[in-house]
Amino acid sequence: MSEHERTADSVHVDETESQNVDVDSSKTLAPDQIPIRFDETWFSYNSEPVVRDINFSITPGEFAAILGPNGSGKTTLMKLALGLLKPTSGRVLLFGVPADRFTDWHRVGYVPQRTQATESRFPASVREVVNFGTYSGFDPLAIFKRRRSDRVDEAMEMAGVQTLADRRVSDLSVGQQQRMLIARSLVSRPDLLVMDEPVAGIDAAGEEQFHSMIRRFNRDLGITIVMVSHDIGAVMREATTVACINRDIVFHGPVHRLDAQALSDLYGFPVDVLMHDPEHTHR
């Protein structure tokens, strides 16, 4: 989908009914089975609300996209989910535990946009960076645990960077750096993978390769995916559910119910939605 198609001011949709209700299948699950739950979550900077009264869950096996304009609070929402920020009020739960008290971090993988290491002449190889994913505190028996090396190799293979293992990080392309960071996040074999605008700066070919890989992790390995994005086209193609946020939740539900009205409410101007698949099936 072209950039023009993502932001055009005309509308072409097959479903016209705006769906801004939370279809919450988490009600049938035990709390510790739910990867992320926002429960009346508020967060403010200097008394100014950044996110307000957020209520929705991300359930096992979802490919969930968090969509919104710049400054909408979507990155703040993910920082709350990862325990990096504490809610001003309400709760954020990771597998049933308040995120700021969560300790089973091997269950959660995180892929940022970029890291300082990838933007400098940081003297580390791809293998060394991926190996950071094995760290879980000091372990006097680590020398005897050879499976850690096996997991590093497996993670690099899954992310398609095994042939780059000995390359210096800063010599890689942006797409290669992102695949390296994904490999690092996969070493612990997480149940949940959180990504913050992971394709920023990646060219079109690299973006397609990236999305193909993430689809495989979600469908074949059963990893729950949460991806912060501003790319409407990618969300419509890849995600199964979407939460649209602009301080408040504007929409939460299946992607095929995300229509032009909901997107217009989100961005404050008409947005084109071109559904090339008439059955709205997830591809």
C-alpha atoms as a PDB file:
ATOM      1  CA  MET A   1       0.000   0.000   0.000  1.00  0.00           C
ATOM      2  CA  SER A   2       1.444   3.368  -0.979  1.00  0.00           C
ATOM      3  CA  GLU A   3       1.923   6.266   1.401  1.00  0.00           C
ATOM      4  CA  HIS A   4      -0.822   8.105  -0.490  1.00  0.00           C
ATOM      5  CA  GLU A   5      -3.262   5.262   0.132  1.00  0.00           C
ATOM      6  CA  ARG A   6      -2.504   5.362   3.873  1.00  0.00           C
ATOM      7  CA  THR A   7      -3.344   9.040   4.283  1.00  0.00           C
ATOM      8  CA  ALA A   8      -5.657   9.998   1.413  1.00  0.00           C
ATOM      9  CA  ASP A   9      -8.782  11.987   2.223  1.00  0.00           C
ATOM     10  CA  SER A  10     -11.207   9.820   0.230  1.00  0.00           C
ATOM     11  CA  VAL A  11     -12.930   6.763   1.687  1.00  0.00           C
ATOM     12  CA  HIS A  12     -13.568   3.345   0.225  1.00  0.00           C
ATOM     13  CA  VAL A  13     -14.716   0.639   2.651  1.00  0.00           C
ATOM     14  CA  ASP A  14     -16.922  -2.405   2.503  1.00  0.00           C
ATOM     15  CA  GLU A  15     -18.078  -2.129   6.111  1.00  0.00           C
ATOM     16  CA  THR A  16     -19.444   1.243   7.163  1.00  0.00           C
ATOM     17  CA  GLU A  17     -20.513   0.612  10.726  1.00  0.00           C
ATOM     18  CA  SER A  18     -17.997   2.057  13.191  1.00  0.00           C
ATOM     19  CA  GLN A  19     -17.077  -0.448  15.884  1.00  0.00           C
ATOM     20  CA  ASN A  20     -15.642   1.348  18.910  1.00  0.00           C
ATOM     21  CA  VAL A  21     -16.438  -1.265  21.511  1.00  0.00           C
ATOM     22  CA  ASP A  22     -13.999  -3.621  23.158  1.00  0.00           C
ATOM     23  CA  VAL A  23     -14.641  -7.205  22.108  1.00  0.00           C
ATOM     24  CA  ASP A  24     -13.039  -8.743  25.196  1.00  0.00           C
ATOM     25  CA  SER A  25     -12.519 -12.490  24.899  1.00  0.00           C
ATOM     26  CA  SER A  26     -10.245 -12.343  27.966  1.00  0.00           C
ATOM     27  CA  LYS A  27     -13.264 -12.735  30.265  1.00  0.00           C
ATOM     28  CA  THR A  28     -13.100 -16.522  29.822  1.00  0.00           C
ATOM     29  CA  LEU A  29      -9.380 -16.697  30.713  1.00  0.00           C
ATOM     30  CA  ALA A  30      -7.655 -16.856  34.078  1.00  0.00           C
ATOM     31  CA  PRO A  31      -5.758 -13.618  34.887  1.00  0.00           C
ATOM     32  CA  ASP A  32      -2.351 -15.297  34.595  1.00  0.00           C
ATOM     33  CA  GLN A  33      -3.203 -16.410  31.051  1.00  0.00           C
ATOM     34  CA  ILE A  34      -3.673 -12.859  29.766  1.00  0.00           C
ATOM     35  CA  PRO A  35      -0.419 -11.360  28.458  1.00  0.00           C
ATOM     36  CA  ILE A  36      -1.427  -7.705  28.965  1.00  0.00           C
ATOM     37  CA  ARG A  37      -4.448  -6.149  30.633  1.00  0.00           C
ATOM     38  CA  PHE A  38      -5.130  -2.437  31.011  1.00  0.00           C
ATOM     39  CA  ASP A  39      -7.668  -1.818  33.762  1.00  0.00           C
ATOM     40  CA  GLU A  40      -8.921   1.794  34.074  1.00  0.00           C
ATOM     41  CA  THR A  41      -5.347   2.918  33.375  1.00  0.00           C
ATOM     42  CA  TRP A  42      -4.408   6.590  33.602  1.00  0.00           C
ATOM     43  CA  PHE A  43      -0.991   8.176  33.325  1.00  0.00           C
ATOM     44  CA  SER A  44      -0.139  11.865  33.635  1.00  0.00           C
ATOM     45  CA  TYR A  45       2.941  14.032  33.254  1.00  0.00           C
ATOM     46  CA  ASN A  46       2.779  17.075  35.554  1.00  0.00           C
ATOM     47  CA  SER A  47      -0.962  16.565  36.060  1.00  0.00           C
ATOM     48  CA  GLU A  48      -1.551  16.459  32.283  1.00  0.00           C
ATOM     49  CA  PRO A  49      -3.144  13.124  31.233  1.00  0.00           C
ATOM     50  CA  VAL A  50      -1.204  11.295  28.538  1.00  0.00           C
ATOM     51  CA  VAL A  51      -3.460   8.233  28.514  1.00  0.00           C
ATOM     52  CA  ARG A  52      -6.929   8.237  30.047  1.00  0.00           C
ATOM     53  CA  ASP A  53      -9.115   5.424  31.339  1.00  0.00           C
ATOM     54  CA  ILE A  54      -7.669   2.683  29.134  1.00  0.00           C
ATOM     55  CA  ASN A  55      -9.524  -0.635  29.331  1.00  0.00           C
ATOM     56  CA  PHE A  56      -8.628  -3.538  27.078  1.00  0.00           C
ATOM     57  CA  SER A  57      -6.729  -6.809  27.070  1.00  0.00           C
ATOM     58  CA  ILE A  58      -4.321  -8.525  24.703  1.00  0.00           C
ATOM     59  CA  THR A  59      -5.057 -12.226  24.747  1.00  0.00           C
ATOM     60  CA  PRO A  60      -2.852 -15.255  23.988  1.00  0.00           C
ATOM     61  CA  GLY A  61      -1.977 -15.703  20.322  1.00  0.00           C
ATOM     62  CA  GLU A  62      -3.106 -12.251  19.192  1.00  0.00           C
ATOM     63  CA  PHE A  63      -1.201 -10.103  16.736  1.00  0.00           C
ATOM     64  CA  ALA A  64      -2.257  -6.794  18.236  1.00  0.00           C
ATOM     65  CA  ALA A  65      -1.377  -3.394  16.792  1.00  0.00           C
ATOM     66  CA  ILE A  66      -1.381  -0.171  18.802  1.00  0.00           C
ATOM     67  CA  LEU A  67      -2.179   2.566  16.316  1.00  0.00           C
ATOM     68  CA  GLY A  68      -2.216   6.331  16.746  1.00  0.00           C
ATOM     69  CA  PRO A  69      -0.742   9.656  15.642  1.00  0.00           C
ATOM     70  CA  ASN A  70       2.442  11.111  17.080  1.00  0.00           C
ATOM     71  CA  GLY A  71       1.956  12.201  20.676  1.00  0.00           C
ATOM     72  CA  SER A  72      -1.141  10.054  21.119  1.00  0.00           C
ATOM     73  CA  GLY A  73       0.235   8.092  24.076  1.00  0.00           C
ATOM     74  CA  LYS A  74       0.871   4.765  22.354  1.00  0.00           C
ATOM     75  CA  THR A  75       4.541   4.552  23.384  1.00  0.00           C
ATOM     76  CA  THR A  76       3.586   5.576  26.931  1.00  0.00           C
ATOM     77  CA  LEU A  77       1.081   2.738  26.907  1.00  0.00           C
ATOM     78  CA  MET A  78       3.824   0.240  26.069  1.00  0.00           C
ATOM     79  CA  LYS A  79       6.121   1.672  28.748  1.00  0.00           C
ATOM     80  CA  LEU A  80       3.308   1.091  31.230  1.00  0.00           C
ATOM     81  CA  ALA A  81       2.892  -2.470  29.932  1.00  0.00           C
ATOM     82  CA  LEU A  82       6.619  -3.143  30.396  1.00  0.00           C
ATOM     83  CA  GLY A  83       6.707  -1.740  33.919  1.00  0.00           C
ATOM     84  CA  LEU A  84       8.906   1.198  32.883  1.00  0.00           C
ATOM     85  CA  LEU A  85       6.205   3.589  34.087  1.00  0.00           C
ATOM     86  CA  LYS A  86       3.699   3.158  36.912  1.00  0.00           C
ATOM     87  CA  PRO A  87       0.083   4.182  36.295  1.00  0.00           C
ATOM     88  CA  THR A  88      -1.130   7.355  37.948  1.00  0.00           C
ATOM     89  CA  SER A  89      -4.275   5.359  38.637  1.00  0.00           C
ATOM     90  CA  GLY A  90      -5.694   2.009  37.586  1.00  0.00           C
ATOM     91  CA  ARG A  91      -3.662  -1.091  36.805  1.00  0.00           C
ATOM     92  CA  VAL A  92      -1.563  -2.680  34.086  1.00  0.00           C
ATOM     93  CA  LEU A  93      -1.131  -6.430  34.447  1.00  0.00           C
ATOM     94  CA  LEU A  94       1.427  -8.708  32.776  1.00  0.00           C
ATOM     95  CA  PHE A  95       0.263 -12.313  33.000  1.00  0.00           C
ATOM     96  CA  GLY A  96      -1.874 -11.320  35.987  1.00  0.00           C
ATOM     97  CA  VAL A  97       0.901  -9.462  37.851  1.00  0.00           C
ATOM     98  CA  PRO A  98       1.176  -5.651  38.136  1.00  0.00           C
ATOM     99  CA  ALA A  99       3.717  -4.714  35.469  1.00  0.00           C
ATOM    100  CA  ASP A 100       5.918  -2.738  37.870  1.00  0.00           C
ATOM    101  CA  ARG A 101       6.247  -5.852  40.071  1.00  0.00           C
ATOM    102  CA  PHE A 102       6.580  -8.424  37.285  1.00  0.00           C
ATOM    103  CA  THR A 103       9.697 -10.621  37.501  1.00  0.00           C
ATOM    104  CA  ASP A 104       9.310 -13.373  34.867  1.00  0.00           C
ATOM    105  CA  TRP A 105      10.927 -11.275  32.141  1.00  0.00           C
ATOM    106  CA  HIS A 106      12.056 -14.350  30.209  1.00  0.00           C
ATOM    107  CA  ARG A 107       8.406 -14.536  29.099  1.00  0.00           C
ATOM    108  CA  VAL A 108       8.536 -11.091  27.478  1.00  0.00           C
ATOM    109  CA  GLY A 109      10.669 -10.025  24.511  1.00  0.00           C
ATOM    110  CA  TYR A 110      11.077  -6.351  23.630  1.00  0.00           C
ATOM    111  CA  VAL A 111      12.255  -4.860  20.331  1.00  0.00           C
ATOM    112  CA  PRO A 112      12.835  -1.077  20.374  1.00  0.00           C
ATOM    113  CA  GLN A 113      13.047   1.152  17.303  1.00  0.00           C
ATOM    114  CA  ARG A 114      16.770   1.614  17.615  1.00  0.00           C
ATOM    115  CA  THR A 115      19.439   1.388  20.323  1.00  0.00           C
ATOM    116  CA  GLN A 116      22.485   3.511  20.994  1.00  0.00           C
ATOM    117  CA  ALA A 117      24.649   0.494  20.225  1.00  0.00           C
ATOM    118  CA  THR A 118      23.326   0.283  16.669  1.00  0.00           C
ATOM    119  CA  GLU A 119      23.830   3.997  16.032  1.00  0.00           C
ATOM    120  CA  SER A 120      27.505   4.142  17.009  1.00  0.00           C
ATOM    121  CA  ARG A 121      30.732   2.255  16.425  1.00  0.00           C
ATOM    122  CA  PHE A 122      29.888   0.001  19.352  1.00  0.00           C
ATOM    123  CA  PRO A 123      32.548  -2.760  19.158  1.00  0.00           C
ATOM    124  CA  ALA A 124      30.279  -5.782  19.411  1.00  0.00           C
ATOM    125  CA  SER A 125      29.366  -8.536  17.007  1.00  0.00           C
ATOM    126  CA  VAL A 126      25.856  -9.665  16.181  1.00  0.00           C
ATOM    127  CA  ARG A 127      26.395 -12.850  18.185  1.00  0.00           C
ATOM    128  CA  GLU A 128      27.495 -10.873  21.247  1.00  0.00           C
ATOM    129  CA  VAL A 129      24.426  -8.638  21.125  1.00  0.00           C
ATOM    130  CA  VAL A 130      22.062 -11.583  20.631  1.00  0.00           C
ATOM    131  CA  ASN A 131      23.781 -13.334  23.540  1.00  0.00           C
ATOM    132  CA  PHE A 132      22.675 -10.460  25.794  1.00  0.00           C
ATOM    133  CA  GLY A 133      19.237 -12.043  25.575  1.00  0.00           C
ATOM    134  CA  THR A 134      20.445 -14.939  27.732  1.00  0.00           C
ATOM    135  CA  TYR A 135      21.262 -12.680  30.665  1.00  0.00           C
ATOM    136  CA  SER A 136      18.988 -13.175  33.679  1.00  0.00           C
ATOM    137  CA  GLY A 137      21.281 -12.107  36.512  1.00  0.00           C
ATOM    138  CA  PHE A 138      24.450 -13.616  37.888  1.00  0.00           C
ATOM    139  CA  ASP A 139      24.557 -17.390  37.591  1.00  0.00           C
ATOM    140  CA  PRO A 140      27.646 -19.210  38.962  1.00  0.00           C
ATOM    141  CA  LEU A 141      26.714 -22.316  36.955  1.00  0.00           C
ATOM    142  CA  ALA A 142      26.353 -20.510  33.622  1.00  0.00           C
ATOM    143  CA  ILE A 143      29.604 -22.021  32.337  1.00  0.00           C
ATOM    144  CA  PHE A 144      27.981 -25.476  32.458  1.00  0.00           C
ATOM    145  CA  LYS A 145      24.817 -24.440  30.604  1.00  0.00           C
ATOM    146  CA  ARG A 146      25.801 -25.002  27.013  1.00  0.00           C
ATOM    147  CA  ARG A 147      22.188 -24.833  25.858  1.00  0.00           C
ATOM    148  CA  ARG A 148      22.484 -21.057  26.066  1.00  0.00           C
ATOM    149  CA  SER A 149      24.767 -21.147  23.054  1.00  0.00           C
ATOM    150  CA  ASP A 150      22.280 -23.399  21.272  1.00  0.00           C
ATOM    151  CA  ARG A 151      19.485 -20.906  21.952  1.00  0.00           C
ATOM    152  CA  VAL A 152      21.540 -18.039  20.578  1.00  0.00           C
ATOM    153  CA  ASP A 153      22.153 -20.003  17.359  1.00  0.00           C
ATOM    154  CA  GLU A 154      18.477 -20.955  17.102  1.00  0.00           C
ATOM    155  CA  ALA A 155      17.350 -17.356  17.669  1.00  0.00           C
ATOM    156  CA  MET A 156      19.731 -16.022  15.011  1.00  0.00           C
ATOM    157  CA  GLU A 157      18.477 -18.625  12.547  1.00  0.00           C
ATOM    158  CA  MET A 158      14.839 -17.757  13.279  1.00  0.00           C
ATOM    159  CA  ALA A 159      15.535 -14.067  12.712  1.00  0.00           C
ATOM    160  CA  GLY A 160      17.636 -14.689   9.601  1.00  0.00           C
ATOM    161  CA  VAL A 161      20.907 -13.245  10.921  1.00  0.00           C
ATOM    162  CA  GLN A 162      22.946 -16.423  11.402  1.00  0.00           C
ATOM    163  CA  THR A 163      25.213 -15.525   8.471  1.00  0.00           C
ATOM    164  CA  LEU A 164      25.877 -12.134  10.109  1.00  0.00           C
ATOM    165  CA  ALA A 165      26.960 -13.583  13.456  1.00  0.00           C
ATOM    166  CA  ASP A 166      30.521 -12.218  13.333  1.00  0.00           C
ATOM    167  CA  ARG A 167      29.691  -8.862  11.750  1.00  0.00           C
ATOM    168  CA  ARG A 168      30.095  -5.636  13.718  1.00  0.00           C
ATOM    169  CA  VAL A 169      26.682  -4.285  14.726  1.00  0.00           C
ATOM    170  CA  SER A 170      27.259  -0.795  13.338  1.00  0.00           C
ATOM    171  CA  ASP A 171      28.144  -2.239   9.906  1.00  0.00           C
ATOM    172  CA  LEU A 172      24.633  -3.627   9.442  1.00  0.00           C
ATOM    173  CA  SER A 173      21.735  -2.068   7.584  1.00  0.00           C
ATOM    174  CA  VAL A 174      18.760  -0.824   9.582  1.00  0.00           C
ATOM    175  CA  GLY A 175      16.764  -3.932   8.631  1.00  0.00           C
ATOM    176  CA  GLN A 176      19.609  -6.240   9.672  1.00  0.00           C
ATOM    177  CA  GLN A 177      19.914  -4.403  12.985  1.00  0.00           C
ATOM    178  CA  GLN A 178      16.226  -4.882  13.657  1.00  0.00           C
ATOM    179  CA  ARG A 179      16.423  -8.608  12.888  1.00  0.00           C
ATOM    180  CA  MET A 180      19.384  -8.831  15.277  1.00  0.00           C
ATOM    181  CA  LEU A 181      17.321  -7.174  18.031  1.00  0.00           C
ATOM    182  CA  ILE A 182      14.484  -9.598  17.323  1.00  0.00           C
ATOM    183  CA  ALA A 183      16.926 -12.501  17.636  1.00  0.00           C
ATOM    184  CA  ARG A 184      18.048 -11.112  20.982  1.00  0.00           C
ATOM    185  CA  SER A 185      14.442 -10.992  22.170  1.00  0.00           C
ATOM    186  CA  LEU A 186      13.814 -14.591  21.031  1.00  0.00           C
ATOM    187  CA  VAL A 187      16.660 -16.193  22.961  1.00  0.00           C
ATOM    188  CA  SER A 188      14.529 -16.593  26.082  1.00  0.00           C
ATOM    189  CA  ARG A 189      11.697 -18.083  23.990  1.00  0.00           C
ATOM    190  CA  PRO A 190       9.126 -15.508  25.126  1.00  0.00           C
ATOM    191  CA  ASP A 191       5.369 -15.902  25.211  1.00  0.00           C
ATOM    192  CA  LEU A 192       4.927 -12.196  24.401  1.00  0.00           C
ATOM    193  CA  LEU A 193       6.873 -10.034  21.937  1.00  0.00           C
ATOM    194  CA  VAL A 194       6.462  -6.252  22.191  1.00  0.00           C
ATOM    195  CA  MET A 195       7.767  -4.052  19.352  1.00  0.00           C
ATOM    196  CA  ASP A 196       7.900  -0.259  19.198  1.00  0.00           C
ATOM    197  CA  GLU A 197       7.622   0.921  15.560  1.00  0.00           C
ATOM    198  CA  PRO A 198       9.987  -1.861  14.469  1.00  0.00           C
ATOM    199  CA  VAL A 199      10.084  -1.018  10.743  1.00  0.00           C
ATOM    200  CA  ALA A 200      11.027   2.649  11.138  1.00  0.00           C
ATOM    201  CA  GLY A 201      13.761   3.398   8.610  1.00  0.00           C
ATOM    202  CA  ILE A 202      13.537   0.033   6.846  1.00  0.00           C
ATOM    203  CA  ASP A 203      13.077   0.001   3.062  1.00  0.00           C
ATOM    204  CA  ALA A 204      10.078  -1.635   1.372  1.00  0.00           C
ATOM    205  CA  ALA A 205      11.828  -4.949   0.656  1.00  0.00           C
ATOM    206  CA  GLY A 206      13.124  -5.187   4.201  1.00  0.00           C
ATOM    207  CA  GLU A 207       9.695  -4.306   5.573  1.00  0.00           C
ATOM    208  CA  GLU A 208       8.048  -7.173   3.696  1.00  0.00           C
ATOM    209  CA  GLN A 209      10.731  -9.592   4.920  1.00  0.00           C
ATOM    210  CA  PHE A 210      10.212  -8.331   8.454  1.00  0.00           C
ATOM    211  CA  HIS A 211       6.436  -8.787   8.376  1.00  0.00           C
ATOM    212  CA  SER A 212       6.781 -12.277   6.888  1.00  0.00           C
ATOM    213  CA  MET A 213       9.039 -13.242   9.778  1.00  0.00           C
ATOM    214  CA  ILE A 214       6.698 -11.809  12.426  1.00  0.00           C
ATOM    215  CA  ARG A 215       3.709 -13.594  10.881  1.00  0.00           C
ATOM    216  CA  ARG A 216       5.641 -16.848  11.223  1.00  0.00           C
ATOM    217  CA  PHE A 217       6.408 -16.205  14.889  1.00  0.00           C
ATOM    218  CA  ASN A 218       2.753 -15.471  15.577  1.00  0.00           C
ATOM    219  CA  ARG A 219       1.115 -18.243  13.538  1.00  0.00           C
ATOM    220  CA  ASP A 220       3.638 -21.067  13.741  1.00  0.00           C
ATOM    221  CA  LEU A 221       5.189 -20.480  17.165  1.00  0.00           C
ATOM    222  CA  GLY A 222       2.124 -19.048  18.894  1.00  0.00           C
ATOM    223  CA  ILE A 223       3.944 -15.968  20.199  1.00  0.00           C
ATOM    224  CA  THR A 224       1.606 -13.137  21.152  1.00  0.00           C
ATOM    225  CA  ILE A 225       2.675 -10.038  19.211  1.00  0.00           C
ATOM    226  CA  VAL A 226       2.113  -6.412  20.224  1.00  0.00           C
ATOM    227  CA  MET A 227       3.326  -3.853  17.684  1.00  0.00           C
ATOM    228  CA  VAL A 228       3.201  -0.091  18.128  1.00  0.00           C
ATOM    229  CA  SER A 229       2.736   1.476  14.712  1.00  0.00           C
ATOM    230  CA  HIS A 230       1.616   4.553  12.813  1.00  0.00           C
ATOM    231  CA  ASP A 231       1.386   2.601   9.536  1.00  0.00           C
ATOM    232  CA  ILE A 232      -2.292   2.000   8.761  1.00  0.00           C
ATOM    233  CA  GLY A 233      -1.466  -0.159   5.740  1.00  0.00           C
ATOM    234  CA  ALA A 234       0.734  -2.553   7.700  1.00  0.00           C
ATOM    235  CA  VAL A 235      -1.841  -2.802  10.471  1.00  0.00           C
ATOM    236  CA  MET A 236      -4.629  -3.649   8.022  1.00  0.00           C
ATOM    237  CA  ARG A 237      -2.492  -6.350   6.381  1.00  0.00           C
ATOM    238  CA  GLU A 238      -0.794  -7.947   9.347  1.00  0.00           C
ATOM    239  CA  ALA A 239      -2.616  -7.556  12.657  1.00  0.00           C
ATOM    240  CA  THR A 240      -5.585  -9.561  13.919  1.00  0.00           C
ATOM    241  CA  THR A 241      -6.734  -6.929  16.414  1.00  0.00           C
ATOM    242  CA  VAL A 242      -6.055  -3.231  16.787  1.00  0.00           C
ATOM    243  CA  ALA A 243      -6.295  -0.659  19.557  1.00  0.00           C
ATOM    244  CA  CYS A 244      -6.498   2.917  18.284  1.00  0.00           C
ATOM    245  CA  ILE A 245      -5.403   5.430  20.899  1.00  0.00           C
ATOM    246  CA  ASN A 246      -5.358   9.189  21.053  1.00  0.00           C
ATOM    247  CA  ARG A 247      -5.099   9.570  24.822  1.00  0.00           C
ATOM    248  CA  ASP A 248      -8.395   7.684  24.999  1.00  0.00           C
ATOM    249  CA  ILE A 249      -9.256   4.437  23.266  1.00  0.00           C
ATOM    250  CA  VAL A 250     -10.989   5.366  20.022  1.00  0.00           C
ATOM    251  CA  PHE A 251     -11.412   1.780  18.804  1.00  0.00           C
ATOM    252  CA  HIS A 252     -10.532  -1.714  19.956  1.00  0.00           C
ATOM    253  CA  GLY A 253     -11.478  -4.837  18.088  1.00  0.00           C
ATOM    254  CA  PRO A 254     -10.785  -7.019  15.045  1.00  0.00           C
ATOM    255  CA  VAL A 255      -8.907  -5.295  12.244  1.00  0.00           C
ATOM    256  CA  HIS A 256     -11.603  -5.979   9.656  1.00  0.00           C
ATOM    257  CA  ARG A 257     -14.006  -3.824  11.699  1.00  0.00           C
ATOM    258  CA  LEU A 258     -11.655  -0.831  11.651  1.00  0.00           C
ATOM    259  CA  ASP A 259     -13.395   1.568   9.289  1.00  0.00           C
ATOM    260  CA  ALA A 260     -12.963   5.063   7.913  1.00  0.00           C
ATOM    261  CA  GLN A 261     -15.077   6.652  10.657  1.00  0.00           C
ATOM    262  CA  ALA A 262     -12.950   5.189  13.445  1.00  0.00           C
ATOM    263  CA  LEU A 263      -9.740   6.286  11.699  1.00  0.00           C
ATOM    264  CA  SER A 264     -11.129   9.760  11.102  1.00  0.00           C
ATOM    265  CA  ASP A 265     -11.981   9.995  14.804  1.00  0.00           C
ATOM    266  CA  LEU A 266      -8.438   8.859  15.621  1.00  0.00           C
ATOM    267  CA  TYR A 267      -6.564  11.297  13.394  1.00  0.00           C
ATOM    268  CA  GLY A 268      -9.046  14.175  13.267  1.00  0.00           C
ATOM    269  CA  PHE A 269      -9.297  14.193   9.460  1.00  0.00           C
ATOM    270  CA  PRO A 270     -10.706  11.849   6.776  1.00  0.00           C
ATOM    271  CA  VAL A 271      -8.560   8.759   6.180  1.00  0.00           C
ATOM    272  CA  ASP A 272      -8.809   6.391   3.242  1.00  0.00           C
ATOM    273  CA  VAL A 273      -9.240   2.665   3.916  1.00  0.00           C
ATOM    274  CA  LEU A 274      -8.747   0.453   0.866  1.00  0.00           C
ATOM    275  CA  MET A 275      -9.712  -3.153   1.565  1.00  0.00           C
ATOM    276  CA  HIS A 276      -8.174  -5.127  -1.304  1.00  0.00           C
ATOM    277  CA  ASP A 277      -9.482  -8.395   0.131  1.00  0.00           C
ATOM    278  CA  PRO A 278     -13.282  -8.273  -0.181  1.00  0.00           C
ATOM    279  CA  GLU A 279     -13.776 -10.869   2.528  1.00  0.00           C
ATOM    280  CA  HIS A 280     -11.589  -8.916   4.962  1.00  0.00           C
ATOM    281  CA  THR A 281      -9.674 -12.073   5.792  1.00  0.00           C
ATOM    282  CA  HIS A 282      -6.380 -11.739   7.654  1.00  0.00           C
ATOM    283  CA  ARG A 283      -3.433 -12.416   5.377  1.00  0.00           C
END
